[in-house]
């Protein structure tokens, strides 16, 4: 996660902060491509964090380029939310949803009683759906308010940033424990001992 996602995002934001959007974007994308090539050569796997970083960099470029116009900026933010929502929702059609992939890639040990239960996958699917639906909701809200009330749209844009992310991360951490304890025999004891 650090190599594939955090480092290229840091490179990108350093470039933006120094007024070098395209140089920061270029070096961040080169980093991501390098991570993808090395990860595939070593493990024959695609580094999902690097792919997400590339998508986020392209979305941020669009937002920064649109920032000279408040209305255009909010439409770009809405497009950013739609793309994120689509990524989350489409991942539900794969064997492992995006949140499950990210949770497993984070290296958190999960008790066997939980991993082998059908409720294990179901919890990650629910969380992935909530992330996707929330992003789509914010996109629709931003576009609607952008057309009717620009000040309200700007306020929603602020809420859709760090506050939304913090709430969703907390939900992602808390929900599985609650969901599994009520449905998987021995889950409570397994979660306490792990």
C-alpha atoms as a PDB file:
ATOM      1  CA  UNK A   1       0.000   0.000   0.000  1.00  0.00           C
ATOM      2  CA  UNK A   2       2.826   2.397   0.868  1.00  0.00           C
ATOM      3  CA  UNK A   3       4.828   1.709  -2.279  1.00  0.00           C
ATOM      4  CA  UNK A   4       1.888   1.400  -4.664  1.00  0.00           C
ATOM      5  CA  UNK A   5      -0.411   4.126  -3.326  1.00  0.00           C
ATOM      6  CA  UNK A   6       1.016   6.480  -0.699  1.00  0.00           C
ATOM      7  CA  UNK A   7       4.366   7.273  -2.361  1.00  0.00           C
ATOM      8  CA  UNK A   8       2.912   8.179  -5.789  1.00  0.00           C
ATOM      9  CA  UNK A   9       0.177  10.238  -4.115  1.00  0.00           C
ATOM     10  CA  UNK A  10       2.875  12.076  -2.124  1.00  0.00           C
ATOM     11  CA  UNK A  11       4.880  12.723  -5.311  1.00  0.00           C
ATOM     12  CA  UNK A  12       1.751  14.023  -7.014  1.00  0.00           C
ATOM     13  CA  UNK A  13       0.749  16.348  -4.168  1.00  0.00           C
ATOM     14  CA  UNK A  14       4.305  17.679  -3.787  1.00  0.00           C
ATOM     15  CA  UNK A  15       4.181  18.546  -7.498  1.00  0.00           C
ATOM     16  CA  UNK A  16       0.838  20.323  -7.059  1.00  0.00           C
ATOM     17  CA  UNK A  17       2.034  22.222  -3.983  1.00  0.00           C
ATOM     18  CA  UNK A  18       5.054  23.511  -5.930  1.00  0.00           C
ATOM     19  CA  UNK A  19       2.932  24.562  -8.914  1.00  0.00           C
ATOM     20  CA  UNK A  20       4.192  21.695 -11.074  1.00  0.00           C
ATOM     21  CA  UNK A  21       1.009  19.728 -11.766  1.00  0.00           C
ATOM     22  CA  UNK A  22       2.239  17.998 -14.902  1.00  0.00           C
ATOM     23  CA  UNK A  23       5.745  17.227 -13.580  1.00  0.00           C
ATOM     24  CA  UNK A  24       4.284  15.789 -10.359  1.00  0.00           C
ATOM     25  CA  UNK A  25       1.726  13.800 -12.349  1.00  0.00           C
ATOM     26  CA  UNK A  26       4.377  12.484 -14.727  1.00  0.00           C
ATOM     27  CA  UNK A  27       6.718  11.274 -11.968  1.00  0.00           C
ATOM     28  CA  UNK A  28       3.857   9.813  -9.908  1.00  0.00           C
ATOM     29  CA  UNK A  29       2.563   7.895 -12.940  1.00  0.00           C
ATOM     30  CA  UNK A  30       6.069   6.656 -13.793  1.00  0.00           C
ATOM     31  CA  UNK A  31       6.388   5.435 -10.190  1.00  0.00           C
ATOM     32  CA  UNK A  32       3.049   3.593 -10.452  1.00  0.00           C
ATOM     33  CA  UNK A  33       4.017   1.975 -13.741  1.00  0.00           C
ATOM     34  CA  UNK A  34       7.322   0.875 -12.199  1.00  0.00           C
ATOM     35  CA  UNK A  35       5.489  -0.672  -9.235  1.00  0.00           C
ATOM     36  CA  UNK A  36       3.109  -2.465 -11.597  1.00  0.00           C
ATOM     37  CA  UNK A  37       5.961  -3.879 -13.704  1.00  0.00           C
ATOM     38  CA  UNK A  38       8.045  -4.992 -10.707  1.00  0.00           C
ATOM     39  CA  UNK A  39       5.047  -6.514  -8.877  1.00  0.00           C
ATOM     40  CA  UNK A  40       3.984  -8.414 -11.977  1.00  0.00           C
ATOM     41  CA  UNK A  41       7.530  -9.614 -12.718  1.00  0.00           C
ATOM     42  CA  UNK A  42       8.035 -10.840  -9.126  1.00  0.00           C
ATOM     43  CA  UNK A  43       4.652 -12.240  -8.170  1.00  0.00           C
ATOM     44  CA  UNK A  44       2.664 -12.361 -11.431  1.00  0.00           C
ATOM     45  CA  UNK A  45       0.066 -10.144  -9.738  1.00  0.00           C
ATOM     46  CA  UNK A  46      -1.147  -6.643 -10.448  1.00  0.00           C
ATOM     47  CA  UNK A  47      -0.561  -4.219  -7.572  1.00  0.00           C
ATOM     48  CA  UNK A  48      -4.121  -3.001  -6.981  1.00  0.00           C
ATOM     49  CA  UNK A  49      -2.885  -0.022  -4.954  1.00  0.00           C
ATOM     50  CA  UNK A  50      -0.825   1.257  -7.902  1.00  0.00           C
ATOM     51  CA  UNK A  51      -3.852   0.941 -10.205  1.00  0.00           C
ATOM     52  CA  UNK A  52      -6.004   2.887  -7.746  1.00  0.00           C
ATOM     53  CA  UNK A  53      -3.258   5.526  -7.452  1.00  0.00           C
ATOM     54  CA  UNK A  54      -3.182   5.966 -11.252  1.00  0.00           C
ATOM     55  CA  UNK A  55      -6.969   6.415 -11.369  1.00  0.00           C
ATOM     56  CA  UNK A  56      -6.909   8.871  -8.470  1.00  0.00           C
ATOM     57  CA  UNK A  57      -4.090  10.889 -10.075  1.00  0.00           C
ATOM     58  CA  UNK A  58      -6.032  11.240 -13.330  1.00  0.00           C
ATOM     59  CA  UNK A  59      -9.156  12.267 -11.409  1.00  0.00           C
ATOM     60  CA  UNK A  60      -7.199  14.838  -9.404  1.00  0.00           C
ATOM     61  CA  UNK A  61      -5.660  16.273 -12.594  1.00  0.00           C
ATOM     62  CA  UNK A  62      -9.169  16.849 -13.952  1.00  0.00           C
ATOM     63  CA  UNK A  63     -10.241  18.496 -10.698  1.00  0.00           C
ATOM     64  CA  UNK A  64      -7.181  20.776 -10.551  1.00  0.00           C
ATOM     65  CA  UNK A  65      -7.597  21.809 -14.192  1.00  0.00           C
ATOM     66  CA  UNK A  66     -11.263  22.606 -13.524  1.00  0.00           C
ATOM     67  CA  UNK A  67     -10.562  24.560 -10.332  1.00  0.00           C
ATOM     68  CA  UNK A  68     -10.515  27.943 -12.098  1.00  0.00           C
ATOM     69  CA  UNK A  69     -14.308  27.772 -12.399  1.00  0.00           C
ATOM     70  CA  UNK A  70     -16.312  26.939  -9.264  1.00  0.00           C
ATOM     71  CA  UNK A  71     -19.108  25.276 -11.233  1.00  0.00           C
ATOM     72  CA  UNK A  72     -16.700  23.303 -13.424  1.00  0.00           C
ATOM     73  CA  UNK A  73     -14.712  22.290 -10.333  1.00  0.00           C
ATOM     74  CA  UNK A  74     -17.840  20.883  -8.672  1.00  0.00           C
ATOM     75  CA  UNK A  75     -18.783  18.992 -11.853  1.00  0.00           C
ATOM     76  CA  UNK A  76     -15.253  17.552 -11.932  1.00  0.00           C
ATOM     77  CA  UNK A  77     -15.623  16.555  -8.277  1.00  0.00           C
ATOM     78  CA  UNK A  78     -18.937  14.887  -9.139  1.00  0.00           C
ATOM     79  CA  UNK A  79     -17.238  13.009 -12.002  1.00  0.00           C
ATOM     80  CA  UNK A  80     -14.508  11.990  -9.540  1.00  0.00           C
ATOM     81  CA  UNK A  81     -17.179  10.621  -7.171  1.00  0.00           C
ATOM     82  CA  UNK A  82     -18.956   8.783  -9.989  1.00  0.00           C
ATOM     83  CA  UNK A  83     -15.721   7.109 -11.065  1.00  0.00           C
ATOM     84  CA  UNK A  84     -14.954   6.043  -7.489  1.00  0.00           C
ATOM     85  CA  UNK A  85     -18.506   4.770  -7.059  1.00  0.00           C
ATOM     86  CA  UNK A  86     -18.307   2.777 -10.285  1.00  0.00           C
ATOM     87  CA  UNK A  87     -14.990   1.217  -9.244  1.00  0.00           C
ATOM     88  CA  UNK A  88     -16.477   0.065  -5.936  1.00  0.00           C
ATOM     89  CA  UNK A  89     -19.754  -1.178  -7.432  1.00  0.00           C
ATOM     90  CA  UNK A  90     -18.187  -2.995 -10.400  1.00  0.00           C
ATOM     91  CA  UNK A  91     -15.817  -4.810  -8.032  1.00  0.00           C
ATOM     92  CA  UNK A  92     -18.888  -6.534  -6.554  1.00  0.00           C
ATOM     93  CA  UNK A  93     -19.088  -8.650  -9.720  1.00  0.00           C
ATOM     94  CA  UNK A  94     -15.623 -10.131  -9.136  1.00  0.00           C
ATOM     95  CA  UNK A  95     -14.754 -13.012  -6.778  1.00  0.00           C
ATOM     96  CA  UNK A  96     -13.397 -10.506  -4.217  1.00  0.00           C
ATOM     97  CA  UNK A  97     -14.776  -6.997  -3.825  1.00  0.00           C
ATOM     98  CA  UNK A  98     -12.454  -3.990  -3.690  1.00  0.00           C
ATOM     99  CA  UNK A  99     -12.738  -3.588   0.086  1.00  0.00           C
ATOM    100  CA  UNK A 100     -11.968  -7.288   0.590  1.00  0.00           C
ATOM    101  CA  UNK A 101      -8.881  -6.962  -1.626  1.00  0.00           C
ATOM    102  CA  UNK A 102      -7.723  -3.880   0.283  1.00  0.00           C
ATOM    103  CA  UNK A 103      -8.413  -5.497   3.682  1.00  0.00           C
ATOM    104  CA  UNK A 104      -6.487  -8.622   2.747  1.00  0.00           C
ATOM    105  CA  UNK A 105      -3.636  -6.621   1.199  1.00  0.00           C
ATOM    106  CA  UNK A 106      -3.300  -4.615   4.417  1.00  0.00           C
ATOM    107  CA  UNK A 107      -1.941  -7.718   6.142  1.00  0.00           C
ATOM    108  CA  UNK A 108      -4.387  -7.793   9.073  1.00  0.00           C
ATOM    109  CA  UNK A 109      -4.545 -11.360  10.398  1.00  0.00           C
ATOM    110  CA  UNK A 110      -8.031 -12.816  10.285  1.00  0.00           C
ATOM    111  CA  UNK A 111      -9.056 -15.876  12.345  1.00  0.00           C
ATOM    112  CA  UNK A 112      -9.772 -19.018  10.301  1.00  0.00           C
ATOM    113  CA  UNK A 113     -13.292 -19.277  11.783  1.00  0.00           C
ATOM    114  CA  UNK A 114     -14.117 -15.979  10.104  1.00  0.00           C
ATOM    115  CA  UNK A 115     -12.214 -16.375   6.811  1.00  0.00           C
ATOM    116  CA  UNK A 116     -13.877 -19.724   6.088  1.00  0.00           C
ATOM    117  CA  UNK A 117     -17.406 -18.474   6.768  1.00  0.00           C
ATOM    118  CA  UNK A 118     -19.655 -17.270   3.918  1.00  0.00           C
ATOM    119  CA  UNK A 119     -20.319 -14.198   6.067  1.00  0.00           C
ATOM    120  CA  UNK A 120     -16.669 -13.145   5.672  1.00  0.00           C
ATOM    121  CA  UNK A 121     -17.117 -12.307   1.987  1.00  0.00           C
ATOM    122  CA  UNK A 122     -20.630 -10.947   2.541  1.00  0.00           C
ATOM    123  CA  UNK A 123     -19.398  -8.334   5.046  1.00  0.00           C
ATOM    124  CA  UNK A 124     -16.825  -6.997   2.564  1.00  0.00           C
ATOM    125  CA  UNK A 125     -19.465  -6.915  -0.178  1.00  0.00           C
ATOM    126  CA  UNK A 126     -21.820  -4.886   2.015  1.00  0.00           C
ATOM    127  CA  UNK A 127     -19.055  -2.429   2.891  1.00  0.00           C
ATOM    128  CA  UNK A 128     -17.990  -2.142  -0.768  1.00  0.00           C
ATOM    129  CA  UNK A 129     -21.591  -1.473  -1.785  1.00  0.00           C
ATOM    130  CA  UNK A 130     -21.957   1.237   0.878  1.00  0.00           C
ATOM    131  CA  UNK A 131     -18.748   2.950  -0.325  1.00  0.00           C
ATOM    132  CA  UNK A 132     -19.921   2.828  -3.952  1.00  0.00           C
ATOM    133  CA  UNK A 133     -23.455   3.975  -3.176  1.00  0.00           C
ATOM    134  CA  UNK A 134     -22.174   6.846  -1.000  1.00  0.00           C
ATOM    135  CA  UNK A 135     -19.876   8.079  -3.764  1.00  0.00           C
ATOM    136  CA  UNK A 136     -22.733   7.932  -6.284  1.00  0.00           C
ATOM    137  CA  UNK A 137     -25.048   9.747  -3.860  1.00  0.00           C
ATOM    138  CA  UNK A 138     -22.529  12.568  -3.374  1.00  0.00           C
ATOM    139  CA  UNK A 139     -22.065  12.827  -7.159  1.00  0.00           C
ATOM    140  CA  UNK A 140     -25.805  13.183  -7.793  1.00  0.00           C
ATOM    141  CA  UNK A 141     -26.132  15.653  -4.928  1.00  0.00           C
ATOM    142  CA  UNK A 142     -23.207  17.757  -6.205  1.00  0.00           C
ATOM    143  CA  UNK A 143     -24.592  17.931  -9.743  1.00  0.00           C
ATOM    144  CA  UNK A 144     -28.115  18.719  -8.545  1.00  0.00           C
ATOM    145  CA  UNK A 145     -26.979  21.448  -6.155  1.00  0.00           C
ATOM    146  CA  UNK A 146     -24.457  22.777  -8.661  1.00  0.00           C
ATOM    147  CA  UNK A 147     -27.336  23.506 -10.997  1.00  0.00           C
ATOM    148  CA  UNK A 148     -29.548  25.054  -8.307  1.00  0.00           C
ATOM    149  CA  UNK A 149     -27.479  26.301  -5.358  1.00  0.00           C
ATOM    150  CA  UNK A 150     -23.710  26.726  -5.792  1.00  0.00           C
ATOM    151  CA  UNK A 151     -23.084  27.592  -2.122  1.00  0.00           C
ATOM    152  CA  UNK A 152     -24.837  24.447  -0.904  1.00  0.00           C
ATOM    153  CA  UNK A 153     -22.900  22.415  -3.486  1.00  0.00           C
ATOM    154  CA  UNK A 154     -19.627  23.822  -2.130  1.00  0.00           C
ATOM    155  CA  UNK A 155     -20.655  22.852   1.419  1.00  0.00           C
ATOM    156  CA  UNK A 156     -21.517  19.311   0.294  1.00  0.00           C
ATOM    157  CA  UNK A 157     -18.149  19.125  -1.491  1.00  0.00           C
ATOM    158  CA  UNK A 158     -16.404  19.877   1.818  1.00  0.00           C
ATOM    159  CA  UNK A 159     -18.434  17.189   3.637  1.00  0.00           C
ATOM    160  CA  UNK A 160     -17.684  14.710   0.826  1.00  0.00           C
ATOM    161  CA  UNK A 161     -13.945  15.120   1.457  1.00  0.00           C
ATOM    162  CA  UNK A 162     -12.135  14.228   4.684  1.00  0.00           C
ATOM    163  CA  UNK A 163     -15.239  13.988   6.919  1.00  0.00           C
ATOM    164  CA  UNK A 164     -16.822  11.427   4.575  1.00  0.00           C
ATOM    165  CA  UNK A 165     -13.585   9.451   4.283  1.00  0.00           C
ATOM    166  CA  UNK A 166     -13.087   9.381   8.067  1.00  0.00           C
ATOM    167  CA  UNK A 167     -16.651   8.164   8.645  1.00  0.00           C
ATOM    168  CA  UNK A 168     -16.347   5.504   5.940  1.00  0.00           C
ATOM    169  CA  UNK A 169     -13.012   4.224   7.258  1.00  0.00           C
ATOM    170  CA  UNK A 170     -14.510   3.953  10.754  1.00  0.00           C
ATOM    171  CA  UNK A 171     -17.511   2.095   9.275  1.00  0.00           C
ATOM    172  CA  UNK A 172     -15.165  -0.230   7.365  1.00  0.00           C
ATOM    173  CA  UNK A 173     -13.337  -1.127  10.571  1.00  0.00           C
ATOM    174  CA  UNK A 174     -16.356  -1.407  12.908  1.00  0.00           C
ATOM    175  CA  UNK A 175     -18.981  -3.042  10.689  1.00  0.00           C
ATOM    176  CA  UNK A 176     -17.276  -6.412   9.984  1.00  0.00           C
ATOM    177  CA  UNK A 177     -16.662  -7.125  13.664  1.00  0.00           C
ATOM    178  CA  UNK A 178     -20.309  -6.387  14.494  1.00  0.00           C
ATOM    179  CA  UNK A 179     -21.560  -8.371  11.473  1.00  0.00           C
ATOM    180  CA  UNK A 180     -19.421 -11.449  12.108  1.00  0.00           C
ATOM    181  CA  UNK A 181     -20.004 -11.678  15.865  1.00  0.00           C
ATOM    182  CA  UNK A 182     -23.744 -11.961  15.329  1.00  0.00           C
ATOM    183  CA  UNK A 183     -23.521 -14.567  12.571  1.00  0.00           C
ATOM    184  CA  UNK A 184     -20.396 -16.727  12.883  1.00  0.00           C
ATOM    185  CA  UNK A 185     -20.157 -19.192  15.775  1.00  0.00           C
ATOM    186  CA  UNK A 186     -16.990 -18.605  17.798  1.00  0.00           C
ATOM    187  CA  UNK A 187     -16.345 -15.273  16.003  1.00  0.00           C
ATOM    188  CA  UNK A 188     -16.467 -13.221  19.187  1.00  0.00           C
ATOM    189  CA  UNK A 189     -13.863 -15.369  20.912  1.00  0.00           C
ATOM    190  CA  UNK A 190     -11.706 -15.495  17.764  1.00  0.00           C
ATOM    191  CA  UNK A 191     -11.774 -11.711  17.349  1.00  0.00           C
ATOM    192  CA  UNK A 192     -10.904 -11.144  21.005  1.00  0.00           C
ATOM    193  CA  UNK A 193      -7.947 -13.567  20.953  1.00  0.00           C
ATOM    194  CA  UNK A 194      -6.496 -12.327  17.627  1.00  0.00           C
END
